[in-house]
Each structure stands twice: as C-alpha cells, then as structure tokens.
C-alpha cells in the first residue's frame, strides 16, 4: 500500500512530494493566480459597462436570421 501512495506523489498527486516535483513552476503558478485574481476583482469602467449595455440592447432588438 505504501508503494501505491509514493507512486501517486511522484506522478503529481497531492502531498508535499508533488510540490517538490514542480519546483519553480509552483511559484510561477502562485504568482499567476495572484495576478489573475487581481484582474478579476477590478471593477469594470463605467464607459465600458455602458458600451456593453448598448450592445446587449441592440442584440435583443435584432431579429434572428
């Protein structure tokens, strides 16, 4: 049973061993996640939101082909 657990960790399963296998990629992934979360949490500028609203209105009044 121990051999199965070690094999899972070497293939990238959960646990401390999987983090060691990824090395620098773990840090890169963490930084990318922080950057993405920062972008997602930003508010949409008023001008852009207005343009999106106008686009939705035009599309809703347009007849399907």
PDB file of N, CA and C in Angstrom:
ATOM      1  N   UNK A   1       0.825  -1.196   0.000  1.00  0.00           N
ATOM      2  CA  UNK A   1       0.000   0.000   0.000  1.00  0.00           C
ATOM      3  C   UNK A   1       0.868   1.258   0.000  1.00  0.00           C
ATOM      4  N   UNK A   2       1.986   1.238   0.669  1.00  0.00           N
ATOM      5  CA  UNK A   2       2.887   2.374   0.711  1.00  0.00           C
ATOM      6  C   UNK A   2       3.445   2.678  -0.670  1.00  0.00           C
ATOM      7  N   UNK A   3       3.732   1.641  -1.450  1.00  0.00           N
ATOM      8  CA  UNK A   3       4.258   1.841  -2.795  1.00  0.00           C
ATOM      9  C   UNK A   3       3.273   2.591  -3.672  1.00  0.00           C
ATOM     10  N   UNK A   4       1.975   2.286  -3.536  1.00  0.00           N
ATOM     11  CA  UNK A   4       0.958   2.991  -4.320  1.00  0.00           C
ATOM     12  C   UNK A   4       0.927   4.473  -3.970  1.00  0.00           C
ATOM     13  N   UNK A   5       1.029   4.799  -2.701  1.00  0.00           N
ATOM     14  CA  UNK A   5       0.992   6.192  -2.270  1.00  0.00           C
ATOM     15  C   UNK A   5       2.202   6.959  -2.800  1.00  0.00           C
ATOM     16  N   UNK A   6       3.376   6.364  -2.730  1.00  0.00           N
ATOM     17  CA  UNK A   6       4.585   7.007  -3.240  1.00  0.00           C
ATOM     18  C   UNK A   6       4.512   7.194  -4.749  1.00  0.00           C
ATOM     19  N   UNK A   7       3.957   6.246  -5.454  1.00  0.00           N
ATOM     20  CA  UNK A   7       3.825   6.349  -6.905  1.00  0.00           C
ATOM     21  C   UNK A   7       2.887   7.489  -7.272  1.00  0.00           C
ATOM     22  N   UNK A   8       1.812   7.673  -6.496  1.00  0.00           N
ATOM     23  CA  UNK A   8       0.875   8.763  -6.747  1.00  0.00           C
ATOM     24  C   UNK A   8       1.566  10.105  -6.564  1.00  0.00           C
ATOM     25  N   UNK A   9       2.354  10.249  -5.510  1.00  0.00           N
ATOM     26  CA  UNK A   9       3.058  11.505  -5.263  1.00  0.00           C
ATOM     27  C   UNK A   9       4.056  11.816  -6.367  1.00  0.00           C
ATOM     28  N   UNK A  10       4.754  10.821  -6.875  1.00  0.00           N
ATOM     29  CA  UNK A  10       5.722  11.033  -7.944  1.00  0.00           C
ATOM     30  C   UNK A  10       5.048  11.461  -9.235  1.00  0.00           C
ATOM     31  N   UNK A  11       3.792  11.043  -9.448  1.00  0.00           N
ATOM     32  CA  UNK A  11       3.060  11.409 -10.657  1.00  0.00           C
ATOM     33  C   UNK A  11       2.380  12.755 -10.523  1.00  0.00           C
ATOM     34  N   UNK A  12       2.526  13.432  -9.406  1.00  0.00           N
ATOM     35  CA  UNK A  12       1.928  14.747  -9.252  1.00  0.00           C
ATOM     36  C   UNK A  12       0.661  14.732  -8.433  1.00  0.00           C
ATOM     37  N   UNK A  13       0.481  13.730  -7.590  1.00  0.00           N
ATOM     38  CA  UNK A  13      -0.689  13.674  -6.735  1.00  0.00           C
ATOM     39  C   UNK A  13      -0.583  14.674  -5.606  1.00  0.00           C
ATOM     40  N   UNK A  14      -1.478  14.594  -4.662  1.00  0.00           N
ATOM     41  CA  UNK A  14      -1.456  15.529  -3.551  1.00  0.00           C
ATOM     42  C   UNK A  14      -0.348  15.170  -2.587  1.00  0.00           C
ATOM     43  N   UNK A  15       0.092  16.138  -1.828  1.00  0.00           N
ATOM     44  CA  UNK A  15       1.118  15.900  -0.823  1.00  0.00           C
ATOM     45  C   UNK A  15       2.329  16.759  -1.059  1.00  0.00           C
ATOM     46  N   UNK A  16       3.235  16.754  -0.100  1.00  0.00           N
ATOM     47  CA  UNK A  16       4.422  17.595  -0.172  1.00  0.00           C
ATOM     48  C   UNK A  16       5.339  17.174  -1.316  1.00  0.00           C
ATOM     49  N   UNK A  17       5.391  15.887  -1.608  1.00  0.00           N
ATOM     50  CA  UNK A  17       6.279  15.403  -2.657  1.00  0.00           C
ATOM     51  C   UNK A  17       5.905  15.980  -4.010  1.00  0.00           C
ATOM     52  N   UNK A  18       4.619  16.184  -4.284  1.00  0.00           N
ATOM     53  CA  UNK A  18       4.208  16.733  -5.578  1.00  0.00           C
ATOM     54  C   UNK A  18       4.667  18.179  -5.733  1.00  0.00           C
ATOM     55  N   UNK A  19       4.709  18.951  -4.652  1.00  0.00           N
ATOM     56  CA  UNK A  19       5.175  20.336  -4.720  1.00  0.00           C
ATOM     57  C   UNK A  19       6.667  20.368  -5.032  1.00  0.00           C
ATOM     58  N   UNK A  20       7.422  19.435  -4.502  1.00  0.00           N
ATOM     59  CA  UNK A  20       8.853  19.377  -4.769  1.00  0.00           C
ATOM     60  C   UNK A  20       9.126  19.049  -6.227  1.00  0.00           C
ATOM     61  N   UNK A  21       8.306  18.222  -6.828  1.00  0.00           N
ATOM     62  CA  UNK A  21       8.481  17.834  -8.219  1.00  0.00           C
ATOM     63  C   UNK A  21       8.281  19.037  -9.131  1.00  0.00           C
ATOM     64  N   UNK A  22       7.363  19.927  -8.808  1.00  0.00           N
ATOM     65  CA  UNK A  22       7.070  21.074  -9.651  1.00  0.00           C
ATOM     66  C   UNK A  22       8.116  22.177  -9.527  1.00  0.00           C
ATOM     67  N   UNK A  23       8.787  22.274  -8.416  1.00  0.00           N
ATOM     68  CA  UNK A  23       9.856  23.249  -8.231  1.00  0.00           C
ATOM     69  C   UNK A  23       9.433  24.669  -8.509  1.00  0.00           C
ATOM     70  N   UNK A  24      10.116  25.322  -9.448  1.00  0.00           N
ATOM     71  CA  UNK A  24       9.854  26.727  -9.775  1.00  0.00           C
ATOM     72  C   UNK A  24       8.464  26.927 -10.349  1.00  0.00           C
ATOM     73  N   UNK A  25       7.909  25.918 -10.972  1.00  0.00           N
ATOM     74  CA  UNK A  25       6.570  26.041 -11.548  1.00  0.00           C
ATOM     75  C   UNK A  25       5.516  26.319 -10.487  1.00  0.00           C
ATOM     76  N   UNK A  26       5.734  25.844  -9.282  1.00  0.00           N
ATOM     77  CA  UNK A  26       4.807  26.113  -8.194  1.00  0.00           C
ATOM     78  C   UNK A  26       4.758  27.613  -7.910  1.00  0.00           C
ATOM     79  N   UNK A  27       5.913  28.243  -7.867  1.00  0.00           N
ATOM     80  CA  UNK A  27       5.975  29.681  -7.603  1.00  0.00           C
ATOM     81  C   UNK A  27       5.376  30.465  -8.768  1.00  0.00           C
ATOM     82  N   UNK A  28       5.651  30.060  -9.990  1.00  0.00           N
ATOM     83  CA  UNK A  28       5.086  30.732 -11.157  1.00  0.00           C
ATOM     84  C   UNK A  28       3.568  30.637 -11.136  1.00  0.00           C
ATOM     85  N   UNK A  29       3.051  29.467 -10.839  1.00  0.00           N
ATOM     86  CA  UNK A  29       1.606  29.272 -10.762  1.00  0.00           C
ATOM     87  C   UNK A  29       0.973  30.139  -9.692  1.00  0.00           C
ATOM     88  N   UNK A  30       1.643  30.251  -8.564  1.00  0.00           N
ATOM     89  CA  UNK A  30       1.117  31.078  -7.463  1.00  0.00           C
ATOM     90  C   UNK A  30       1.070  32.546  -7.878  1.00  0.00           C
ATOM     91  N   UNK A  31       2.117  33.022  -8.518  1.00  0.00           N
ATOM     92  CA  UNK A  31       2.158  34.421  -8.968  1.00  0.00           C
ATOM     93  C   UNK A  31       1.093  34.691 -10.026  1.00  0.00           C
ATOM     94  N   UNK A  32       0.928  33.760 -10.964  1.00  0.00           N
ATOM     95  CA  UNK A  32      -0.101  33.929 -11.993  1.00  0.00           C
ATOM     96  C   UNK A  32      -1.494  33.974 -11.382  1.00  0.00           C
ATOM     97  N   UNK A  33      -1.741  33.135 -10.391  1.00  0.00           N
ATOM     98  CA  UNK A  33      -3.040  33.128  -9.723  1.00  0.00           C
ATOM     99  C   UNK A  33      -3.295  34.456  -9.019  1.00  0.00           C
ATOM    100  N   UNK A  34      -2.288  34.993  -8.340  1.00  0.00           N
ATOM    101  CA  UNK A  34      -2.428  36.290  -7.675  1.00  0.00           C
ATOM    102  C   UNK A  34      -2.735  37.383  -8.690  1.00  0.00           C
ATOM    103  N   UNK A  35      -2.028  37.374  -9.808  1.00  0.00           N
ATOM    104  CA  UNK A  35      -2.234  38.391 -10.842  1.00  0.00           C
ATOM    105  C   UNK A  35      -3.645  38.290 -11.412  1.00  0.00           C
ATOM    106  N   UNK A  36      -4.082  37.071 -11.722  1.00  0.00           N
ATOM    107  CA  UNK A  36      -5.416  36.858 -12.283  1.00  0.00           C
ATOM    108  C   UNK A  36      -6.494  37.293 -11.303  1.00  0.00           C
ATOM    109  N   UNK A  37      -6.357  36.927 -10.041  1.00  0.00           N
ATOM    110  CA  UNK A  37      -7.349  37.308  -9.037  1.00  0.00           C
ATOM    111  C   UNK A  37      -7.432  38.822  -8.901  1.00  0.00           C
ATOM    112  N   UNK A  38      -6.305  39.510  -9.047  1.00  0.00           N
ATOM    113  CA  UNK A  38      -6.302  40.969  -9.000  1.00  0.00           C
ATOM    114  C   UNK A  38      -7.063  41.565 -10.170  1.00  0.00           C
ATOM    115  N   UNK A  39      -6.900  40.977 -11.342  1.00  0.00           N
ATOM    116  CA  UNK A  39      -7.610  41.472 -12.529  1.00  0.00           C
ATOM    117  C   UNK A  39      -9.112  41.227 -12.423  1.00  0.00           C
ATOM    118  N   UNK A  40      -9.488  40.067 -11.951  1.00  0.00           N
ATOM    119  CA  UNK A  40     -10.901  39.703 -11.855  1.00  0.00           C
ATOM    120  C   UNK A  40     -11.626  40.571 -10.837  1.00  0.00           C
ATOM    121  N   UNK A  41     -10.925  40.971  -9.792  1.00  0.00           N
ATOM    122  CA  UNK A  41     -11.584  41.739  -8.735  1.00  0.00           C
ATOM    123  C   UNK A  41     -11.740  43.220  -9.082  1.00  0.00           C
ATOM    124  N   UNK A  42     -11.098  43.687 -10.159  1.00  0.00           N
ATOM    125  CA  UNK A  42     -11.231  45.084 -10.549  1.00  0.00           C
ATOM    126  C   UNK A  42     -12.618  45.353 -11.118  1.00  0.00           C
ATOM    127  N   UNK A  43     -13.121  46.565 -10.867  1.00  0.00           N
ATOM    128  CA  UNK A  43     -14.424  46.950 -11.389  1.00  0.00           C
ATOM    129  C   UNK A  43     -14.314  47.295 -12.864  1.00  0.00           C
ATOM    130  N   UNK A  44     -15.409  47.087 -13.587  1.00  0.00           N
ATOM    131  CA  UNK A  44     -15.470  47.442 -14.997  1.00  0.00           C
ATOM    132  C   UNK A  44     -15.680  48.956 -15.082  1.00  0.00           C
ATOM    133  N   UNK A  45     -14.870  49.655 -15.897  1.00  0.00           N
ATOM    134  CA  UNK A  45     -15.055  51.107 -16.032  1.00  0.00           C
ATOM    135  C   UNK A  45     -16.459  51.440 -16.529  1.00  0.00           C
ATOM    136  N   UNK A  46     -16.988  52.580 -16.079  1.00  0.00           N
ATOM    137  CA  UNK A  46     -18.354  52.979 -16.436  1.00  0.00           C
ATOM    138  C   UNK A  46     -18.561  53.033 -17.944  1.00  0.00           C
ATOM    139  N   UNK A  47     -17.615  53.575 -18.656  1.00  0.00           N
ATOM    140  CA  UNK A  47     -17.747  53.706 -20.115  1.00  0.00           C
ATOM    141  C   UNK A  47     -17.856  52.330 -20.777  1.00  0.00           C
ATOM    142  N   UNK A  48     -17.068  51.394 -20.322  1.00  0.00           N
ATOM    143  CA  UNK A  48     -17.106  50.045 -20.883  1.00  0.00           C
ATOM    144  C   UNK A  48     -18.425  49.353 -20.541  1.00  0.00           C
ATOM    145  N   UNK A  49     -18.890  49.517 -19.321  1.00  0.00           N
ATOM    146  CA  UNK A  49     -20.163  48.929 -18.913  1.00  0.00           C
ATOM    147  C   UNK A  49     -21.304  49.504 -19.740  1.00  0.00           C
ATOM    148  N   UNK A  50     -21.259  50.804 -20.036  1.00  0.00           N
ATOM    149  CA  UNK A  50     -22.281  51.438 -20.860  1.00  0.00           C
ATOM    150  C   UNK A  50     -22.266  50.865 -22.277  1.00  0.00           C
ATOM    151  N   UNK A  51     -21.090  50.682 -22.834  1.00  0.00           N
ATOM    152  CA  UNK A  51     -20.981  50.104 -24.177  1.00  0.00           C
ATOM    153  C   UNK A  51     -21.522  48.674 -24.218  1.00  0.00           C
ATOM    154  N   UNK A  52     -21.242  47.909 -23.194  1.00  0.00           N
ATOM    155  CA  UNK A  52     -21.778  46.548 -23.126  1.00  0.00           C
ATOM    156  C   UNK A  52     -23.303  46.555 -23.041  1.00  0.00           C
ATOM    157  N   UNK A  53     -23.842  47.462 -22.261  1.00  0.00           N
ATOM    158  CA  UNK A  53     -25.291  47.584 -22.126  1.00  0.00           C
ATOM    159  C   UNK A  53     -25.919  47.939 -23.470  1.00  0.00           C
ATOM    160  N   UNK A  54     -25.317  48.888 -24.190  1.00  0.00           N
ATOM    161  CA  UNK A  54     -25.833  49.277 -25.504  1.00  0.00           C
ATOM    162  C   UNK A  54     -25.783  48.109 -26.479  1.00  0.00           C
ATOM    163  N   UNK A  55     -24.727  47.342 -26.442  1.00  0.00           N
ATOM    164  CA  UNK A  55     -24.601  46.174 -27.312  1.00  0.00           C
ATOM    165  C   UNK A  55     -25.687  45.146 -27.009  1.00  0.00           C
ATOM    166  N   UNK A  56     -25.949  44.892 -25.744  1.00  0.00           N
ATOM    167  CA  UNK A  56     -26.993  43.947 -25.355  1.00  0.00           C
ATOM    168  C   UNK A  56     -28.361  44.417 -25.835  1.00  0.00           C
ATOM    169  N   UNK A  57     -28.629  45.722 -25.735  1.00  0.00           N
ATOM    170  CA  UNK A  57     -29.909  46.265 -26.190  1.00  0.00           C
ATOM    171  C   UNK A  57     -30.076  46.079 -27.697  1.00  0.00           C
ATOM    172  N   UNK A  58     -29.032  46.363 -28.461  1.00  0.00           N
ATOM    173  CA  UNK A  58     -29.092  46.209 -29.916  1.00  0.00           C
ATOM    174  C   UNK A  58     -29.314  44.742 -30.283  1.00  0.00           C
ATOM    175  N   UNK A  59     -28.607  43.850 -29.616  1.00  0.00           N
ATOM    176  CA  UNK A  59     -28.747  42.425 -29.919  1.00  0.00           C
ATOM    177  C   UNK A  59     -30.127  41.898 -29.550  1.00  0.00           C
ATOM    178  N   UNK A  60     -30.731  42.413 -28.485  1.00  0.00           N
ATOM    179  CA  UNK A  60     -32.049  41.925 -28.071  1.00  0.00           C
ATOM    180  C   UNK A  60     -33.149  42.410 -29.005  1.00  0.00           C
ATOM    181  N   UNK A  61     -32.966  43.557 -29.657  1.00  0.00           N
ATOM    182  CA  UNK A  61     -33.986  44.076 -30.586  1.00  0.00           C
ATOM    183  C   UNK A  61     -33.779  43.551 -32.000  1.00  0.00           C
ATOM    184  N   UNK A  62     -32.660  42.967 -32.259  1.00  0.00           N
ATOM    185  CA  UNK A  62     -32.332  42.454 -33.602  1.00  0.00           C
ATOM    186  C   UNK A  62     -33.120  41.176 -33.873  1.00  0.00           C
ATOM    187  N   UNK A  63     -33.636  41.051 -35.097  1.00  0.00           N
ATOM    188  CA  UNK A  63     -34.396  39.853 -35.478  1.00  0.00           C
ATOM    189  C   UNK A  63     -33.445  38.720 -35.800  1.00  0.00           C
ATOM    190  N   UNK A  64     -33.784  37.499 -35.364  1.00  0.00           N
ATOM    191  CA  UNK A  64     -32.934  36.335 -35.705  1.00  0.00           C
ATOM    192  C   UNK A  64     -33.050  36.041 -37.194  1.00  0.00           C
ATOM    193  N   UNK A  65     -31.966  35.624 -37.795  1.00  0.00           N
ATOM    194  CA  UNK A  65     -31.966  35.328 -39.231  1.00  0.00           C
ATOM    195  C   UNK A  65     -32.401  33.928 -39.514  1.00  0.00           C
TER     196      UNK A  65
END
